Amino acid sequence: AYRIALPPSLSNLHDVFHVSQLRRYIADPSHVIEADDVQVRDNLTVETVPLRIEGREVKKLRNKEIASVKVVWGGPAGENAT
């Protein structure tokens, strides 16, 4: 496990994470955003809007069918698909 140093503004976040959560970072200049462009709310969230739906699928889990939708979100950090 690793303990990370967080700024006082993020003191309400858990500062320990397990090494299994680490992923190799692939450098991309588009990942850099200006801090002034991001409006963080008091509960540490940012406003995003859905741009488009990328896909849909239905998975069967035992006796249930679970629908999932892949959405591309837009916000201050650019597009992000979830």
N, C-alpha and C. Protein backbone atom coordinates (compact mmCIF):
# COMPACT_ATOMS: atom_id res chain seq x y z
N ALA A 1 0.84 -1.18 0.00
CA ALA A 1 0.00 0.00 0.00
C ALA A 1 0.89 1.24 0.00
N TYR A 2 0.35 2.31 -0.57
CA TYR A 2 1.06 3.59 -0.64
C TYR A 2 0.20 4.67 0.00
N ARG A 3 0.85 5.58 0.69
CA ARG A 3 0.19 6.75 1.24
C ARG A 3 0.66 7.94 0.42
N ILE A 4 -0.29 8.70 -0.10
CA ILE A 4 0.06 9.85 -0.92
C ILE A 4 -0.19 11.14 -0.14
N ALA A 5 0.62 12.13 -0.44
CA ALA A 5 0.47 13.44 0.21
C ALA A 5 -0.57 14.24 -0.57
N LEU A 6 -1.66 14.57 0.08
CA LEU A 6 -2.72 15.34 -0.54
C LEU A 6 -2.70 16.77 -0.03
N PRO A 7 -3.11 17.71 -0.87
CA PRO A 7 -3.20 19.09 -0.39
C PRO A 7 -4.34 19.23 0.62
N PRO A 8 -4.32 20.25 1.44
CA PRO A 8 -5.37 20.44 2.45
C PRO A 8 -6.78 20.47 1.85
N SER A 9 -6.91 20.93 0.61
CA SER A 9 -8.24 21.00 0.00
C SER A 9 -8.82 19.62 -0.27
N LEU A 10 -7.97 18.58 -0.25
CA LEU A 10 -8.45 17.21 -0.48
C LEU A 10 -8.31 16.35 0.77
N SER A 11 -8.28 16.97 1.93
CA SER A 11 -8.06 16.24 3.18
C SER A 11 -9.18 15.26 3.52
N ASN A 12 -10.34 15.41 2.90
CA ASN A 12 -11.44 14.48 3.19
C ASN A 12 -11.35 13.20 2.36
N LEU A 13 -10.35 13.07 1.49
CA LEU A 13 -10.16 11.86 0.69
C LEU A 13 -9.23 10.89 1.40
N HIS A 14 -9.44 9.60 1.18
CA HIS A 14 -8.57 8.57 1.75
C HIS A 14 -7.22 8.65 1.06
N ASP A 15 -6.14 8.68 1.81
CA ASP A 15 -4.82 8.91 1.22
C ASP A 15 -3.98 7.64 1.06
N VAL A 16 -4.59 6.47 1.19
CA VAL A 16 -3.87 5.21 1.03
C VAL A 16 -4.52 4.41 -0.09
N PHE A 17 -3.68 3.87 -0.99
CA PHE A 17 -4.21 3.01 -2.04
C PHE A 17 -3.30 1.80 -2.22
N HIS A 18 -3.85 0.73 -2.75
CA HIS A 18 -3.13 -0.52 -2.93
C HIS A 18 -2.42 -0.52 -4.28
N VAL A 19 -1.27 -1.19 -4.34
CA VAL A 19 -0.48 -1.21 -5.58
C VAL A 19 -1.24 -1.85 -6.74
N SER A 20 -2.23 -2.68 -6.46
CA SER A 20 -3.00 -3.29 -7.55
C SER A 20 -3.81 -2.25 -8.32
N GLN A 21 -3.96 -1.06 -7.74
CA GLN A 21 -4.70 0.01 -8.40
C GLN A 21 -3.83 0.82 -9.37
N LEU A 22 -2.54 0.57 -9.37
CA LEU A 22 -1.62 1.32 -10.24
C LEU A 22 -1.72 0.85 -11.68
N ARG A 23 -1.65 1.77 -12.60
CA ARG A 23 -1.64 1.47 -14.03
C ARG A 23 -0.52 2.28 -14.66
N ARG A 24 0.08 1.75 -15.72
CA ARG A 24 1.13 2.48 -16.43
C ARG A 24 0.52 3.70 -17.10
N TYR A 25 1.17 4.83 -16.94
CA TYR A 25 0.69 6.07 -17.54
C TYR A 25 1.32 6.24 -18.91
N ILE A 26 0.48 6.50 -19.90
CA ILE A 26 0.94 6.77 -21.25
C ILE A 26 0.82 8.28 -21.45
N ALA A 27 1.96 8.93 -21.67
CA ALA A 27 1.98 10.39 -21.78
C ALA A 27 1.12 10.87 -22.94
N ASP A 28 0.33 11.89 -22.68
CA ASP A 28 -0.53 12.49 -23.69
C ASP A 28 -0.68 13.97 -23.35
N PRO A 29 -0.21 14.86 -24.23
CA PRO A 29 -0.30 16.29 -23.94
C PRO A 29 -1.72 16.79 -23.71
N SER A 30 -2.72 16.09 -24.25
CA SER A 30 -4.10 16.53 -24.05
C SER A 30 -4.58 16.30 -22.62
N HIS A 31 -3.83 15.55 -21.81
CA HIS A 31 -4.22 15.30 -20.42
C HIS A 31 -3.99 16.53 -19.54
N VAL A 32 -3.20 17.47 -20.01
CA VAL A 32 -2.90 18.67 -19.23
C VAL A 32 -4.01 19.69 -19.45
N ILE A 33 -4.63 20.12 -18.36
CA ILE A 33 -5.68 21.14 -18.46
C ILE A 33 -5.31 22.29 -17.53
N GLU A 34 -5.80 23.44 -17.86
CA GLU A 34 -5.57 24.60 -17.02
C GLU A 34 -6.46 24.52 -15.79
N ALA A 35 -5.89 24.76 -14.63
CA ALA A 35 -6.66 24.67 -13.38
C ALA A 35 -7.79 25.69 -13.34
N ASP A 36 -7.62 26.82 -14.01
CA ASP A 36 -8.66 27.84 -14.02
C ASP A 36 -9.90 27.40 -14.78
N ASP A 37 -9.76 26.44 -15.68
CA ASP A 37 -10.88 25.98 -16.49
C ASP A 37 -11.82 25.05 -15.72
N VAL A 38 -11.35 24.46 -14.64
CA VAL A 38 -12.14 23.47 -13.91
C VAL A 38 -12.79 24.14 -12.70
N GLN A 39 -14.11 24.05 -12.63
CA GLN A 39 -14.86 24.58 -11.50
C GLN A 39 -15.24 23.42 -10.59
N VAL A 40 -14.51 23.23 -9.50
CA VAL A 40 -14.77 22.13 -8.57
C VAL A 40 -15.74 22.62 -7.51
N ARG A 41 -16.79 21.83 -7.29
CA ARG A 41 -17.79 22.18 -6.27
C ARG A 41 -17.28 21.82 -4.88
N ASP A 42 -18.02 22.22 -3.87
CA ASP A 42 -17.63 21.94 -2.48
C ASP A 42 -17.54 20.44 -2.20
N ASN A 43 -18.35 19.63 -2.89
CA ASN A 43 -18.32 18.18 -2.66
C ASN A 43 -17.34 17.49 -3.61
N LEU A 44 -16.40 18.26 -4.19
CA LEU A 44 -15.33 17.77 -5.06
C LEU A 44 -15.83 17.10 -6.34
N THR A 45 -16.92 17.60 -6.91
CA THR A 45 -17.41 17.12 -8.19
C THR A 45 -17.30 18.23 -9.22
N VAL A 46 -17.31 17.84 -10.48
CA VAL A 46 -17.32 18.82 -11.57
C VAL A 46 -18.52 18.53 -12.46
N GLU A 47 -19.00 19.56 -13.13
CA GLU A 47 -20.16 19.40 -13.99
C GLU A 47 -19.73 18.86 -15.35
N THR A 48 -20.40 17.81 -15.79
CA THR A 48 -20.17 17.24 -17.12
C THR A 48 -21.51 17.07 -17.81
N VAL A 49 -21.47 16.97 -19.12
CA VAL A 49 -22.70 16.79 -19.89
C VAL A 49 -22.50 15.62 -20.85
N PRO A 50 -23.54 14.81 -21.08
CA PRO A 50 -23.40 13.72 -22.04
C PRO A 50 -23.34 14.28 -23.46
N LEU A 51 -22.35 13.83 -24.24
CA LEU A 51 -22.21 14.29 -25.61
C LEU A 51 -22.90 13.35 -26.60
N ARG A 52 -22.67 12.05 -26.40
CA ARG A 52 -23.29 11.07 -27.30
C ARG A 52 -23.22 9.68 -26.67
N ILE A 53 -24.04 8.79 -27.19
CA ILE A 53 -24.05 7.40 -26.74
C ILE A 53 -23.22 6.60 -27.73
N GLU A 54 -22.19 5.90 -27.24
CA GLU A 54 -21.27 5.14 -28.08
C GLU A 54 -21.79 3.72 -28.35
N GLY A 55 -22.49 3.15 -27.42
CA GLY A 55 -22.95 1.78 -27.62
C GLY A 55 -23.86 1.32 -26.49
N ARG A 56 -24.56 0.24 -26.77
CA ARG A 56 -25.46 -0.36 -25.78
C ARG A 56 -25.27 -1.86 -25.82
N GLU A 57 -25.47 -2.50 -24.67
CA GLU A 57 -25.45 -3.95 -24.64
C GLU A 57 -26.27 -4.44 -23.45
N VAL A 58 -26.73 -5.66 -23.57
CA VAL A 58 -27.48 -6.30 -22.49
C VAL A 58 -26.74 -7.57 -22.13
N LYS A 59 -26.35 -7.69 -20.86
CA LYS A 59 -25.66 -8.88 -20.38
C LYS A 59 -26.62 -9.68 -19.52
N LYS A 60 -26.50 -10.99 -19.61
CA LYS A 60 -27.34 -11.86 -18.80
C LYS A 60 -26.52 -12.37 -17.63
N LEU A 61 -27.02 -12.13 -16.43
CA LEU A 61 -26.37 -12.55 -15.21
C LEU A 61 -27.35 -13.40 -14.43
N ARG A 62 -27.10 -14.69 -14.42
CA ARG A 62 -28.02 -15.66 -13.84
C ARG A 62 -29.39 -15.52 -14.51
N ASN A 63 -30.39 -15.06 -13.76
CA ASN A 63 -31.73 -14.93 -14.34
C ASN A 63 -32.09 -13.49 -14.65
N LYS A 64 -31.11 -12.60 -14.60
CA LYS A 64 -31.40 -11.19 -14.83
C LYS A 64 -30.70 -10.70 -16.08
N GLU A 65 -31.34 -9.76 -16.75
CA GLU A 65 -30.71 -9.08 -17.88
C GLU A 65 -30.33 -7.68 -17.42
N ILE A 66 -29.07 -7.31 -17.64
CA ILE A 66 -28.57 -6.02 -17.19
C ILE A 66 -28.17 -5.20 -18.41
N ALA A 67 -28.84 -4.07 -18.59
CA ALA A 67 -28.54 -3.20 -19.72
C ALA A 67 -27.43 -2.23 -19.32
N SER A 68 -26.50 -2.00 -20.24
CA SER A 68 -25.47 -0.99 -20.00
C SER A 68 -25.33 -0.12 -21.24
N VAL A 69 -24.98 1.13 -21.01
CA VAL A 69 -24.84 2.11 -22.08
C VAL A 69 -23.49 2.78 -21.93
N LYS A 70 -22.73 2.88 -23.02
CA LYS A 70 -21.45 3.59 -22.99
C LYS A 70 -21.70 5.02 -23.45
N VAL A 71 -21.42 5.97 -22.56
CA VAL A 71 -21.69 7.39 -22.82
C VAL A 71 -20.38 8.15 -22.91
N VAL A 72 -20.28 9.05 -23.86
CA VAL A 72 -19.14 9.95 -23.95
C VAL A 72 -19.56 11.25 -23.27
N TRP A 73 -18.81 11.60 -22.22
CA TRP A 73 -19.11 12.78 -21.43
C TRP A 73 -18.19 13.91 -21.83
N GLY A 74 -18.70 15.12 -21.80
CA GLY A 74 -17.88 16.30 -22.09
C GLY A 74 -17.84 17.20 -20.89
N GLY A 75 -16.71 17.81 -20.69
CA GLY A 75 -16.56 18.72 -19.56
C GLY A 75 -15.26 19.47 -19.70
N PRO A 76 -14.81 20.08 -18.61
CA PRO A 76 -13.60 20.89 -18.68
C PRO A 76 -12.35 20.09 -19.02
N ALA A 77 -12.34 18.79 -18.75
CA ALA A 77 -11.16 17.98 -19.04
C ALA A 77 -11.24 17.34 -20.41
N GLY A 78 -12.26 17.64 -21.19
CA GLY A 78 -12.39 17.05 -22.52
C GLY A 78 -13.35 15.89 -22.50
N GLU A 79 -13.27 15.06 -23.54
CA GLU A 79 -14.18 13.92 -23.65
C GLU A 79 -13.67 12.76 -22.82
N ASN A 80 -14.62 12.02 -22.22
CA ASN A 80 -14.30 10.86 -21.42
C ASN A 80 -15.43 9.86 -21.57
N ALA A 81 -15.12 8.64 -21.99
CA ALA A 81 -16.16 7.62 -22.19
C ALA A 81 -16.25 6.72 -20.97
N THR A 82 -17.50 6.50 -20.50
CA THR A 82 -17.74 5.56 -19.41
C THR A 82 -18.96 4.73 -19.73
